[in-house]
Amino acid sequence: MTSTATARPGSALAGTGVAGSATVHANLTAAGLYAHALRRGEGRLSADGAFMAITGQHTGRSVQDKFVVDDPEVHDAIWWGKINQPLPVAKFEGFSAKVRSWLGARGELFTQDLFAGADTGHRIKVRLVTTNAWHALFARNMFIRPTAEELKTFEPDFFILHAPEYEASPAEDGCRTSTLIALSFAKRTICIAGTSYAGEIKKSIFTVMNWLLPERGVLPMHCSANLGKGGDTALFFGLSGTGKTTLSSDPERSLIGDDEHGWSDTGVFNFEGGCYAKVIKLSKEAEPQIWDASHRFGAVLENVHGDEHGVLDLDDNRYTENTRSCYPIEFIPNIVTGGQAGKPKNVVMLTADAFGVLPPIAKLSAAQAMYHFMSGYTARVAGTEKGLGKEPQATFSTCFGAPFLPRHPEVYGRMLAERIAKDGADVWLVNTGWTGGAYGTGKRMSIQHTRALLRAALDGSLAKVEFVRDPFFGLMIPKAVPGIPDNVLNPRDSWADKAAYDKQAKHLVGLFEKNFETFAGAVGDDVKAAAIKAAA
């Protein structure tokens, strides 16, 4: 074994169970990983120096191929079902042994020792073993990079055995396809096989943090976070495509992180050291920070098309709508150094309502906040995901992150309610979707209007205006806001056909009602009273 960067001699594979590889490239810098990735033909460079990788068949997470090992010591605490499918211990032992053997037989391996969690009191140490230099670079970008001194005493808490080219066996391994993501909390090991989509690396550790932190009294959250000049922290919850990364990357505020955070007794901290932005149709004018970060050396671009000279075409979706840019958080000019800030003053829940019936902003009561957190609503259309028809499709993802919740959702819901009550945060529902009609008739909400409304909410000025109650969803919406057209604030006013709005609004109310049945038994009477329901 040859170690090619700072690490204790012989420690690069310690604890992984992998042995036999001729060369192990341990903890290489971005430049070193670039050199190996290009030498090995793993991708090419953009005209600006970003590394471009194509992930083949898998251009997104393989949700149906994710399994949690049914270890006896964790069985009763796991939220079993479609999200957390059980994998017998014996199956995992056999599968992980084959993955270790396969990795050990490769001519080269790349390892990275990294932290998850900016708060040193709640961070974990992660060791990644992978076959590709670009996947190692992805992990190095996304997680927190230890100093050379910290690497000298690095002892991993969790291991990721990443074998993207290895194919699992449904007959032997108890899985569905040749792709298998298996997580064992007891063995502190994650095996990823049969997919090159790098997001599996990132989200597997997020799942681990969602498992560990509640027992420490810390709420893990699928949200972005930023900090105002006055020291006010804001959180942004939202599913993919709702604007979570875009809206938190605000030139007037400092970015704490774009996707994963913890809320503790002392404040908010980022789990990561990088950003993973969706870049389909990215606009330099609307999103200059993400644009600049994606057009430079060190960024990793997944499934982004470029011409023969490497000039990027961010409007091109030939590989997927889910094009991604991964870069260290310091590529954003105004960040919170250290990834930590105080307790949130504002919590924003984002939705991209393609039905066009939700207001651009509404203030939520504590009970409504719990309800919308447990609902996790957005609506998707064919223009944002493959396999969807012409009509919008409602998506409800509990806690805005159901695929990453190993524990029962009410655990996280109760923690959020307690944190909001204890720390006195204001909560807002923001719609970045359609106005003036549903998708196909109306138009996408102006990002300038959204930013203006958000800034008014975060600086406290929005709290001073008059609010009126929406009759369909029970939401308190501002009656008038300087600089925002009145017909934008009330979605019904933006529709030329008021009867069509009423019909569409009632349809969405019905979808909310049906989804509420899935968690109604886990919430209190106050949340039940705040639930969206059809008029009697």
Protein backbone atom coordinates (compact mmCIF):
# COMPACT_ATOMS: atom_id res chain seq x y z
CA MET A 1 0.00 0.00 0.00
CA THR A 2 1.25 3.48 -0.84
CA SER A 3 -0.08 6.49 1.04
CA THR A 4 0.24 9.67 -1.01
CA ALA A 5 -0.83 12.40 1.41
CA THR A 6 -0.84 13.34 5.07
CA ALA A 7 -2.08 10.49 7.23
CA ARG A 8 -0.61 8.23 9.87
CA PRO A 9 1.49 5.54 8.14
CA GLY A 10 -0.58 2.47 7.42
CA SER A 11 -3.79 4.11 8.62
CA ALA A 12 -5.46 4.93 5.30
CA LEU A 13 -7.60 1.76 5.34
CA ALA A 14 -7.60 1.13 9.09
CA GLY A 15 -10.98 -0.04 10.34
CA THR A 16 -12.45 -0.52 6.86
CA GLY A 17 -11.69 -4.21 6.53
CA VAL A 18 -10.33 -3.55 3.03
CA ALA A 19 -6.93 -5.06 2.26
CA GLY A 20 -4.82 -6.01 -0.73
CA SER A 21 -4.88 -2.92 -2.94
CA ALA A 22 -1.55 -2.01 -4.49
CA THR A 23 -1.90 1.76 -4.17
CA VAL A 24 -4.01 3.85 -1.82
CA HIS A 25 -4.13 7.60 -2.41
CA ALA A 26 -4.99 8.99 1.02
CA ASN A 27 -6.30 12.49 1.69
CA LEU A 28 -5.11 14.05 -1.54
CA THR A 29 -5.81 17.72 -2.14
CA ALA A 30 -8.09 18.93 -4.93
CA ALA A 31 -5.13 19.34 -7.31
CA GLY A 32 -3.92 15.80 -6.69
CA LEU A 33 -7.39 14.35 -7.17
CA TYR A 34 -7.82 16.34 -10.40
CA ALA A 35 -4.56 14.89 -11.73
CA HIS A 36 -5.58 11.31 -11.02
CA ALA A 37 -9.14 11.75 -12.27
CA LEU A 38 -7.90 13.12 -15.59
CA ARG A 39 -5.18 10.46 -15.88
CA ARG A 40 -7.79 7.76 -15.32
CA GLY A 41 -10.26 9.26 -17.78
CA GLU A 42 -12.96 9.76 -15.16
CA GLY A 43 -14.16 13.00 -16.77
CA ARG A 44 -12.92 16.20 -18.33
CA LEU A 45 -12.45 19.88 -17.53
CA SER A 46 -14.82 22.71 -18.27
CA ALA A 47 -13.46 25.81 -19.98
CA ASP A 48 -13.24 27.42 -16.53
CA GLY A 49 -11.47 24.52 -14.83
CA ALA A 50 -14.33 22.68 -13.11
CA PHE A 51 -14.27 18.87 -13.23
CA MET A 52 -17.11 17.40 -15.29
CA ALA A 53 -18.35 13.88 -14.54
CA ILE A 54 -21.14 11.84 -16.11
CA THR A 55 -22.79 9.35 -13.78
CA GLY A 56 -24.39 7.07 -16.37
CA GLN A 57 -27.65 5.30 -15.61
CA HIS A 58 -28.12 6.85 -12.17
CA THR A 59 -28.49 10.63 -12.24
CA GLY A 60 -30.27 10.91 -8.89
CA ARG A 61 -30.68 9.04 -5.63
CA SER A 62 -31.87 5.43 -5.80
CA VAL A 63 -34.47 5.72 -3.05
CA GLN A 64 -35.91 2.25 -3.60
CA ASP A 65 -32.47 0.69 -3.31
CA LYS A 66 -31.67 2.08 0.13
CA PHE A 67 -31.72 -0.38 3.05
CA VAL A 68 -31.08 -0.13 6.78
CA VAL A 69 -29.59 -3.18 8.44
CA ASP A 70 -32.04 -4.67 10.92
CA ASP A 71 -29.61 -4.84 13.81
CA PRO A 72 -31.39 -5.97 17.01
CA GLU A 73 -30.07 -3.03 19.06
CA VAL A 74 -31.72 -0.45 16.77
CA HIS A 75 -34.78 -2.32 15.49
CA ASP A 76 -37.41 -0.69 17.73
CA ALA A 77 -36.26 2.87 17.00
CA ILE A 78 -36.23 2.66 13.18
CA TRP A 79 -39.06 4.07 11.06
CA TRP A 80 -39.47 0.93 8.93
CA GLY A 81 -41.29 1.10 5.61
CA LYS A 82 -40.67 2.25 2.05
CA ILE A 83 -38.03 4.73 3.23
CA ASN A 84 -36.10 2.45 5.58
CA GLN A 85 -36.31 -1.04 4.15
CA PRO A 86 -34.90 -3.72 6.46
CA LEU A 87 -31.88 -5.72 5.40
CA PRO A 88 -31.16 -8.84 7.50
CA VAL A 89 -27.87 -8.78 9.38
CA ALA A 90 -26.65 -11.91 7.60
CA LYS A 91 -27.35 -10.39 4.18
CA PHE A 92 -25.38 -7.27 5.11
CA GLU A 93 -22.47 -9.32 6.40
CA GLY A 94 -22.28 -11.22 3.13
CA PHE A 95 -22.72 -8.14 0.95
CA SER A 96 -20.22 -5.99 2.85
CA ALA A 97 -17.65 -8.80 2.75
CA LYS A 98 -17.98 -8.97 -1.05
CA VAL A 99 -17.66 -5.18 -1.34
CA ARG A 100 -14.50 -5.21 0.80
CA SER A 101 -13.02 -8.01 -1.27
CA TRP A 102 -13.88 -6.23 -4.51
CA LEU A 103 -12.36 -2.95 -3.31
CA GLY A 104 -9.23 -4.75 -2.15
CA ALA A 105 -8.75 -6.23 -5.61
CA ARG A 106 -8.66 -2.82 -7.34
CA GLY A 107 -5.33 -1.46 -8.53
CA GLU A 108 -5.98 1.94 -6.95
CA LEU A 109 -8.16 3.29 -4.18
CA PHE A 110 -8.78 6.80 -2.93
CA THR A 111 -9.53 7.59 0.71
CA GLN A 112 -10.60 10.75 2.47
CA ASP A 113 -10.84 11.38 6.22
CA LEU A 114 -13.44 14.07 6.87
CA PHE A 115 -15.72 15.59 9.50
CA ALA A 116 -19.50 15.96 9.45
CA GLY A 117 -20.66 18.71 11.81
CA ALA A 118 -19.11 22.13 12.37
CA ASP A 119 -19.87 21.97 16.11
CA THR A 120 -16.97 20.00 17.58
CA GLY A 121 -19.24 18.75 20.36
CA HIS A 122 -21.55 17.02 17.87
CA ARG A 123 -19.38 16.16 14.87
CA ILE A 124 -18.53 12.70 13.59
CA LYS A 125 -15.41 11.47 11.81
CA VAL A 126 -15.94 9.76 8.47
CA ARG A 127 -13.56 7.65 6.39
CA LEU A 128 -14.45 7.20 2.70
CA VAL A 129 -12.91 4.48 0.54
CA THR A 130 -13.72 4.79 -3.17
CA THR A 131 -12.47 3.65 -6.54
CA ASN A 132 -12.63 7.05 -8.25
CA ALA A 133 -10.64 10.21 -7.68
CA TRP A 134 -13.59 12.42 -8.61
CA HIS A 135 -15.80 10.82 -5.96
CA ALA A 136 -13.08 11.49 -3.41
CA LEU A 137 -13.00 15.11 -4.59
CA PHE A 138 -16.79 15.31 -4.25
CA ALA A 139 -16.55 14.12 -0.64
CA ARG A 140 -13.66 16.47 0.07
CA ASN A 141 -15.74 19.37 -1.24
CA MET A 142 -18.90 18.40 0.62
CA PHE A 143 -17.63 17.55 4.09
CA ILE A 144 -15.40 19.43 6.51
CA ARG A 145 -11.70 19.00 5.85
CA PRO A 146 -9.50 18.29 8.90
CA THR A 147 -6.23 20.11 9.38
CA ALA A 148 -2.95 18.22 8.96
CA GLU A 149 -2.66 18.16 12.75
CA GLU A 150 -6.17 16.70 13.14
CA LEU A 151 -5.38 13.98 10.59
CA LYS A 152 -2.53 12.71 12.76
CA THR A 153 -4.98 11.46 15.39
CA PHE A 154 -7.99 10.78 13.17
CA GLU A 155 -10.04 7.77 14.34
CA PRO A 156 -13.19 7.24 12.20
CA ASP A 157 -16.65 6.96 13.72
CA PHE A 158 -18.27 5.80 10.45
CA PHE A 159 -16.99 4.22 7.25
CA ILE A 160 -18.25 4.57 3.68
CA LEU A 161 -17.26 1.73 1.38
CA HIS A 162 -17.99 3.18 -2.04
CA ALA A 163 -17.97 0.70 -4.92
CA PRO A 164 -19.91 2.37 -7.75
CA GLU A 165 -18.88 -0.17 -10.39
CA TYR A 166 -19.69 -3.22 -8.28
CA GLU A 167 -23.06 -4.83 -8.93
CA ALA A 168 -25.05 -6.31 -6.06
CA SER A 169 -26.98 -9.56 -6.51
CA PRO A 170 -30.70 -9.44 -5.68
CA ALA A 171 -30.73 -13.21 -5.17
CA GLU A 172 -27.74 -13.26 -2.83
CA ASP A 173 -27.90 -9.84 -1.16
CA GLY A 174 -31.64 -9.41 -0.54
CA CYS A 175 -31.86 -6.24 -2.61
CA ARG A 176 -34.10 -5.11 -5.47
CA THR A 177 -31.57 -4.46 -8.26
CA SER A 178 -27.82 -4.40 -8.83
CA THR A 179 -27.78 -1.10 -6.92
CA LEU A 180 -27.63 -1.32 -3.14
CA ILE A 181 -27.07 1.34 -0.49
CA ALA A 182 -26.88 -0.44 2.87
CA LEU A 183 -26.39 1.33 6.20
CA SER A 184 -25.54 -0.47 9.44
CA PHE A 185 -25.70 1.68 12.55
CA ALA A 186 -24.33 -1.16 14.67
CA LYS A 187 -21.31 -1.72 12.42
CA ARG A 188 -20.95 2.04 11.72
CA THR A 189 -20.60 1.19 8.03
CA ILE A 190 -22.28 2.27 4.80
CA CYS A 191 -21.81 0.25 1.62
CA ILE A 192 -22.74 1.90 -1.69
CA ALA A 193 -22.70 -0.24 -4.82
CA GLY A 194 -24.02 -0.03 -8.38
CA THR A 195 -24.45 3.75 -8.67
CA SER A 196 -22.03 6.55 -9.54
CA TYR A 197 -24.37 9.34 -8.43
CA ALA A 198 -22.26 11.14 -5.81
CA GLY A 199 -25.24 12.41 -3.85
CA GLU A 200 -25.51 8.96 -2.24
CA ILE A 201 -22.26 9.67 -0.34
CA LYS A 202 -23.55 12.96 1.00
CA LYS A 203 -27.03 11.76 1.96
CA SER A 204 -25.85 8.57 3.63
CA ILE A 205 -23.99 10.63 6.21
CA PHE A 206 -26.96 12.95 6.60
CA THR A 207 -29.00 9.86 7.49
CA VAL A 208 -26.38 8.98 10.09
CA MET A 209 -26.61 12.47 11.62
CA ASN A 210 -30.41 12.16 11.66
CA TRP A 211 -29.94 8.98 13.67
CA LEU A 212 -27.32 10.16 16.16
CA LEU A 213 -28.24 13.74 17.03
CA PRO A 214 -31.79 13.44 18.47
CA GLU A 215 -30.39 11.37 21.35
CA ARG A 216 -28.07 14.31 22.07
CA GLY A 217 -30.93 16.80 22.14
CA VAL A 218 -29.96 18.27 18.76
CA LEU A 219 -32.52 18.63 15.96
CA PRO A 220 -31.03 17.55 12.60
CA MET A 221 -32.59 19.47 9.71
CA HIS A 222 -32.75 19.29 5.92
CA CYS A 223 -32.45 23.05 5.51
CA SER A 224 -30.15 25.86 4.47
CA ALA A 225 -29.20 28.66 6.85
CA ASN A 226 -27.79 32.15 6.70
CA LEU A 227 -26.95 35.04 8.99
CA GLY A 228 -28.00 38.70 8.77
CA LYS A 229 -25.73 41.64 9.45
CA GLY A 230 -27.53 42.14 12.75
CA GLY A 231 -26.64 38.61 13.86
CA ASP A 232 -30.04 37.09 13.13
CA THR A 233 -30.04 33.46 11.97
CA ALA A 234 -32.60 32.21 9.42
CA LEU A 235 -33.40 28.64 8.39
CA PHE A 236 -34.80 27.61 5.00
CA PHE A 237 -36.58 24.25 4.72
CA GLY A 238 -37.57 22.97 1.29
CA LEU A 239 -37.45 20.05 -1.11
CA SER A 240 -35.41 20.01 -4.31
CA GLY A 241 -36.44 22.75 -6.73
CA THR A 242 -38.02 25.06 -4.15
CA GLY A 243 -35.10 27.50 -4.03
CA LYS A 244 -33.44 26.47 -0.77
CA THR A 245 -29.89 26.91 -2.07
CA THR A 246 -30.71 29.96 -4.17
CA LEU A 247 -32.50 31.93 -1.46
CA SER A 248 -29.99 31.19 1.27
CA SER A 249 -27.15 32.37 -1.02
CA ASP A 250 -28.16 36.00 -0.54
CA PRO A 251 -25.51 38.69 -1.22
CA GLU A 252 -26.95 40.71 1.68
CA ARG A 253 -26.57 37.86 4.20
CA SER A 254 -23.78 35.44 5.12
CA LEU A 255 -24.23 31.76 4.26
CA ILE A 256 -23.93 29.22 7.08
CA GLY A 257 -24.73 26.27 4.80
CA ASP A 258 -27.02 25.28 1.94
CA ASP A 259 -28.55 21.93 2.95
CA GLU A 260 -27.96 20.22 6.31
CA HIS A 261 -27.85 21.69 9.81
CA GLY A 262 -28.30 20.97 13.49
CA TRP A 263 -30.22 23.13 15.98
CA SER A 264 -28.79 22.77 19.49
CA ASP A 265 -29.13 24.60 22.79
CA THR A 266 -26.44 27.02 21.65
CA GLY A 267 -27.57 27.66 18.08
CA VAL A 268 -27.28 26.36 14.51
CA PHE A 269 -24.35 24.55 12.92
CA ASN A 270 -23.65 23.25 9.43
CA PHE A 271 -23.07 19.54 8.91
CA GLU A 272 -21.08 20.14 5.74
CA GLY A 273 -18.16 22.07 4.31
CA GLY A 274 -19.55 22.48 0.82
CA CYS A 275 -22.60 23.10 -1.35
CA TYR A 276 -24.43 20.81 -3.78
CA ALA A 277 -26.50 23.09 -5.98
CA LYS A 278 -28.97 22.14 -8.68
CA VAL A 279 -27.84 24.10 -11.75
CA ILE A 280 -30.33 23.33 -14.52
CA LYS A 281 -31.14 26.67 -16.17
CA LEU A 282 -28.89 28.47 -13.67
CA SER A 283 -28.88 32.21 -14.33
CA LYS A 284 -25.78 34.34 -13.78
CA GLU A 285 -27.99 37.37 -13.24
CA ALA A 286 -30.35 35.77 -10.71
CA GLU A 287 -27.84 33.50 -8.94
CA PRO A 288 -24.37 35.06 -9.39
CA GLN A 289 -22.76 33.35 -6.38
CA ILE A 290 -23.67 29.82 -7.45
CA TRP A 291 -22.80 30.64 -11.06
CA ASP A 292 -19.31 31.87 -10.14
CA ALA A 293 -18.68 28.94 -7.79
CA SER A 294 -19.56 26.50 -10.59
CA HIS A 295 -17.25 28.11 -13.14
CA ARG A 296 -13.88 27.60 -11.49
CA PHE A 297 -11.21 25.08 -10.58
CA GLY A 298 -12.23 22.82 -7.70
CA ALA A 299 -15.93 22.53 -8.49
CA VAL A 300 -17.35 19.15 -9.49
CA LEU A 301 -20.12 19.23 -12.09
CA GLU A 302 -22.38 16.19 -12.38
CA ASN A 303 -24.12 15.49 -15.69
CA VAL A 304 -23.65 19.05 -16.95
CA HIS A 305 -23.18 19.35 -20.71
CA GLY A 306 -20.36 21.29 -22.29
CA ASP A 307 -19.22 21.74 -25.88
CA GLU A 308 -15.94 20.44 -27.28
CA HIS A 309 -14.12 23.34 -25.60
CA GLY A 310 -15.75 22.72 -22.24
CA VAL A 311 -18.03 25.75 -22.44
CA LEU A 312 -21.01 24.89 -20.27
CA ASP A 313 -24.62 24.88 -21.41
CA LEU A 314 -26.60 24.92 -18.18
CA ASP A 315 -29.90 24.86 -20.08
CA ASP A 316 -29.06 21.46 -21.59
CA ASN A 317 -30.84 18.56 -19.87
CA ARG A 318 -29.70 15.73 -22.16
CA TYR A 319 -28.41 13.70 -19.21
CA THR A 320 -30.92 14.75 -16.56
CA GLU A 321 -32.88 17.66 -15.14
CA ASN A 322 -30.96 16.99 -11.94
CA THR A 323 -27.68 18.61 -13.02
CA ARG A 324 -25.50 19.44 -10.03
CA SER A 325 -22.54 21.54 -8.97
CA CYS A 326 -20.52 20.61 -5.90
CA TYR A 327 -18.02 23.10 -4.48
CA PRO A 328 -16.40 24.04 -1.15
CA ILE A 329 -18.49 26.53 0.78
CA GLU A 330 -15.64 29.04 0.74
CA PHE A 331 -16.30 29.48 -3.00
CA ILE A 332 -19.24 31.62 -1.84
CA PRO A 333 -17.83 35.07 -0.99
CA ASN A 334 -19.90 35.85 2.11
CA ILE A 335 -19.97 32.86 4.43
CA VAL A 336 -20.03 32.38 8.18
CA THR A 337 -16.51 31.17 8.93
CA GLY A 338 -16.68 28.07 11.08
CA GLY A 339 -20.22 27.15 10.01
CA GLN A 340 -21.92 28.09 13.29
CA ALA A 341 -24.32 30.84 14.38
CA GLY A 342 -26.82 31.65 17.10
CA LYS A 343 -30.39 30.47 17.61
CA PRO A 344 -32.77 31.10 14.66
CA LYS A 345 -34.91 34.21 14.67
CA ASN A 346 -36.81 33.13 11.56
CA VAL A 347 -37.74 29.75 10.08
CA VAL A 348 -38.80 29.68 6.42
CA MET A 349 -40.61 26.72 4.87
CA LEU A 350 -40.37 26.76 1.07
CA THR A 351 -42.73 25.19 -1.44
CA ALA A 352 -42.87 25.40 -5.23
CA ASP A 353 -46.63 25.16 -5.69
CA ALA A 354 -47.20 24.27 -9.35
CA PHE A 355 -50.98 24.45 -8.80
CA GLY A 356 -50.53 28.21 -8.44
CA VAL A 357 -52.87 28.64 -5.46
CA LEU A 358 -50.61 29.26 -2.44
CA PRO A 359 -49.55 32.81 -1.53
CA PRO A 360 -45.96 33.98 -2.03
CA ILE A 361 -45.59 34.40 1.74
CA ALA A 362 -47.67 33.68 4.84
CA LYS A 363 -46.97 33.84 8.57
CA LEU A 364 -47.54 30.59 10.44
CA SER A 365 -48.65 29.99 13.99
CA ALA A 366 -46.72 27.44 16.07
CA ALA A 367 -49.34 24.76 15.34
CA GLN A 368 -49.33 25.59 11.62
CA ALA A 369 -45.53 25.39 11.64
CA MET A 370 -45.68 21.86 13.02
CA TYR A 371 -48.38 20.93 10.50
CA HIS A 372 -46.46 22.22 7.47
CA PHE A 373 -43.19 20.70 8.73
CA MET A 374 -44.84 17.30 9.01
CA SER A 375 -46.51 17.81 5.60
CA GLY A 376 -43.38 18.87 3.68
CA TYR A 377 -45.35 19.91 0.60
CA THR A 378 -44.25 20.91 -2.86
CA ALA A 379 -45.57 20.17 -6.38
CA ARG A 380 -43.49 18.98 -9.28
CA VAL A 381 -43.99 19.18 -13.02
CA ALA A 382 -42.53 17.57 -16.13
CA GLY A 383 -40.10 20.45 -16.51
CA THR A 384 -38.39 19.62 -13.24
CA GLU A 385 -38.34 15.82 -13.15
CA LYS A 386 -38.47 13.00 -15.67
CA GLY A 387 -41.44 10.67 -15.68
CA LEU A 388 -44.02 13.30 -14.77
CA GLY A 389 -47.02 14.18 -16.91
CA LYS A 390 -48.29 17.57 -17.98
CA GLU A 391 -50.30 18.15 -14.80
CA PRO A 392 -48.61 19.11 -11.51
CA GLN A 393 -48.05 16.31 -9.03
CA ALA A 394 -48.17 17.02 -5.30
CA THR A 395 -45.26 15.72 -3.27
CA PHE A 396 -45.35 15.42 0.52
CA SER A 397 -42.03 14.61 2.18
CA THR A 398 -42.28 14.52 5.96
CA CYS A 399 -40.02 17.04 7.70
CA PHE A 400 -38.88 18.16 4.22
CA GLY A 401 -36.56 15.15 4.17
CA ALA A 402 -38.38 11.82 4.55
CA PRO A 403 -35.77 9.80 2.57
CA PHE A 404 -33.15 10.64 5.21
CA LEU A 405 -35.11 10.02 8.42
CA PRO A 406 -34.19 6.76 10.15
CA ARG A 407 -36.36 7.59 13.19
CA HIS A 408 -40.12 8.10 13.28
CA PRO A 409 -41.10 11.54 11.91
CA GLU A 410 -42.84 12.63 15.12
CA VAL A 411 -39.43 12.56 16.85
CA TYR A 412 -38.22 15.39 14.60
CA GLY A 413 -41.60 17.14 14.58
CA ARG A 414 -41.74 17.36 18.36
CA MET A 415 -38.17 18.60 18.51
CA LEU A 416 -38.90 21.37 16.01
CA ALA A 417 -41.99 22.49 17.94
CA GLU A 418 -40.00 22.55 21.17
CA ARG A 419 -37.14 24.50 19.59
CA ILE A 420 -39.45 27.10 18.03
CA ALA A 421 -41.29 27.59 21.33
CA LYS A 422 -38.12 27.73 23.41
CA ASP A 423 -36.17 30.08 21.15
CA GLY A 424 -39.13 32.22 19.99
CA ALA A 425 -38.58 31.95 16.23
CA ASP A 426 -41.08 33.35 13.72
CA VAL A 427 -42.15 30.90 11.01
CA TRP A 428 -43.04 31.71 7.39
CA LEU A 429 -44.40 29.69 4.48
CA VAL A 430 -42.96 30.91 1.16
CA ASN A 431 -44.20 29.79 -2.26
CA THR A 432 -41.61 29.98 -5.04
CA GLY A 433 -43.91 28.20 -7.53
CA TRP A 434 -46.54 29.56 -9.88
CA THR A 435 -48.82 32.59 -9.80
CA GLY A 436 -51.66 33.76 -12.04
CA GLY A 437 -52.54 30.17 -12.89
CA ALA A 438 -51.21 26.66 -12.58
CA TYR A 439 -48.15 25.38 -14.42
CA GLY A 440 -48.79 25.80 -18.15
CA THR A 441 -51.09 28.80 -17.66
CA GLY A 442 -49.53 30.98 -15.00
CA LYS A 443 -45.93 32.05 -14.60
CA ARG A 444 -43.17 31.26 -12.13
CA MET A 445 -43.06 33.51 -9.10
CA SER A 446 -40.63 36.41 -9.60
CA ILE A 447 -37.42 35.72 -7.69
CA GLN A 448 -37.11 39.46 -7.15
CA HIS A 449 -40.52 39.50 -5.43
CA THR A 450 -39.59 36.45 -3.36
CA ARG A 451 -36.31 37.98 -2.23
CA ALA A 452 -38.02 41.28 -1.36
CA LEU A 453 -40.69 39.53 0.72
CA LEU A 454 -38.10 37.37 2.46
CA ARG A 455 -35.95 40.35 3.32
CA ALA A 456 -38.99 42.11 4.75
CA ALA A 457 -39.76 39.05 6.86
CA LEU A 458 -36.19 38.65 8.08
CA ASP A 459 -35.62 42.32 8.93
CA GLY A 460 -38.88 42.49 10.90
CA SER A 461 -40.68 45.01 8.71
CA LEU A 462 -43.21 42.48 7.39
CA ALA A 463 -44.49 41.83 10.89
CA LYS A 464 -45.73 45.43 11.02
CA VAL A 465 -48.14 45.20 8.05
CA GLU A 466 -51.79 44.14 8.17
CA PHE A 467 -52.51 40.45 7.58
CA VAL A 468 -55.69 38.79 6.31
CA ARG A 469 -56.71 35.13 6.50
CA ASP A 470 -56.86 33.08 3.33
CA PRO A 471 -60.22 31.23 3.25
CA PHE A 472 -58.96 28.01 1.65
CA PHE A 473 -55.74 27.23 3.54
CA GLY A 474 -56.21 29.28 6.72
CA LEU A 475 -52.97 31.17 6.07
CA MET A 476 -52.29 34.71 7.28
CA ILE A 477 -51.09 36.69 4.27
CA PRO A 478 -49.96 40.34 4.14
CA LYS A 479 -52.58 42.69 2.75
CA ALA A 480 -50.06 45.12 1.26
CA VAL A 481 -46.26 45.28 1.11
CA PRO A 482 -44.35 48.26 -0.36
CA GLY A 483 -42.91 47.42 -3.77
CA ILE A 484 -45.00 44.25 -4.25
CA PRO A 485 -48.16 44.31 -6.44
CA ASP A 486 -51.25 43.58 -4.34
CA ASN A 487 -52.50 40.93 -6.75
CA VAL A 488 -49.28 38.98 -6.17
CA LEU A 489 -49.81 38.77 -2.40
CA ASN A 490 -53.26 37.22 -2.71
CA PRO A 491 -53.00 34.38 -5.25
CA ARG A 492 -56.71 34.42 -6.11
CA ASP A 493 -56.38 38.02 -7.28
CA SER A 494 -53.66 37.00 -9.73
CA TRP A 495 -55.95 34.56 -11.57
CA ALA A 496 -58.11 35.93 -14.41
CA ASP A 497 -60.56 33.04 -13.91
CA LYS A 498 -61.57 33.13 -10.23
CA ALA A 499 -63.74 30.01 -10.52
CA ALA A 500 -60.76 28.09 -11.89
CA TYR A 501 -58.69 29.25 -8.90
CA ASP A 502 -61.36 28.09 -6.46
CA LYS A 503 -61.52 24.68 -8.12
CA GLN A 504 -57.74 24.28 -8.06
CA ALA A 505 -57.48 25.47 -4.45
CA LYS A 506 -60.14 22.97 -3.33
CA HIS A 507 -58.25 20.23 -5.17
CA LEU A 508 -55.04 21.03 -3.28
CA VAL A 509 -56.94 21.22 0.02
CA GLY A 510 -58.12 17.68 -0.63
CA LEU A 511 -54.56 16.50 -1.22
CA PHE A 512 -53.45 18.08 2.07
CA GLU A 513 -56.35 16.38 3.86
CA LYS A 514 -55.43 12.97 2.47
CA ASN A 515 -51.77 13.38 3.39
CA PHE A 516 -52.68 14.49 6.94
CA GLU A 517 -54.16 11.04 7.53
CA THR A 518 -50.62 9.62 7.42
CA PHE A 519 -49.48 11.53 10.53
CA ALA A 520 -52.67 12.75 12.28
CA GLY A 521 -52.25 10.21 15.05
CA ALA A 522 -48.80 11.53 15.95
CA VAL A 523 -49.72 15.19 16.61
CA GLY A 524 -51.64 17.07 19.28
CA ASP A 525 -55.08 18.66 19.15
CA ASP A 526 -53.58 22.09 18.38
CA VAL A 527 -51.98 20.78 15.19
CA LYS A 528 -55.14 18.92 14.23
CA ALA A 529 -57.06 22.18 14.59
CA ALA A 530 -54.50 23.97 12.39
CA ALA A 531 -54.62 21.34 9.64
CA ILE A 532 -55.80 22.39 6.19
CA LYS A 533 -59.31 21.07 5.63
CA ALA A 534 -62.25 21.63 3.31
CA ALA A 535 -64.86 24.14 4.45
CA ALA A 536 -67.80 22.54 6.21
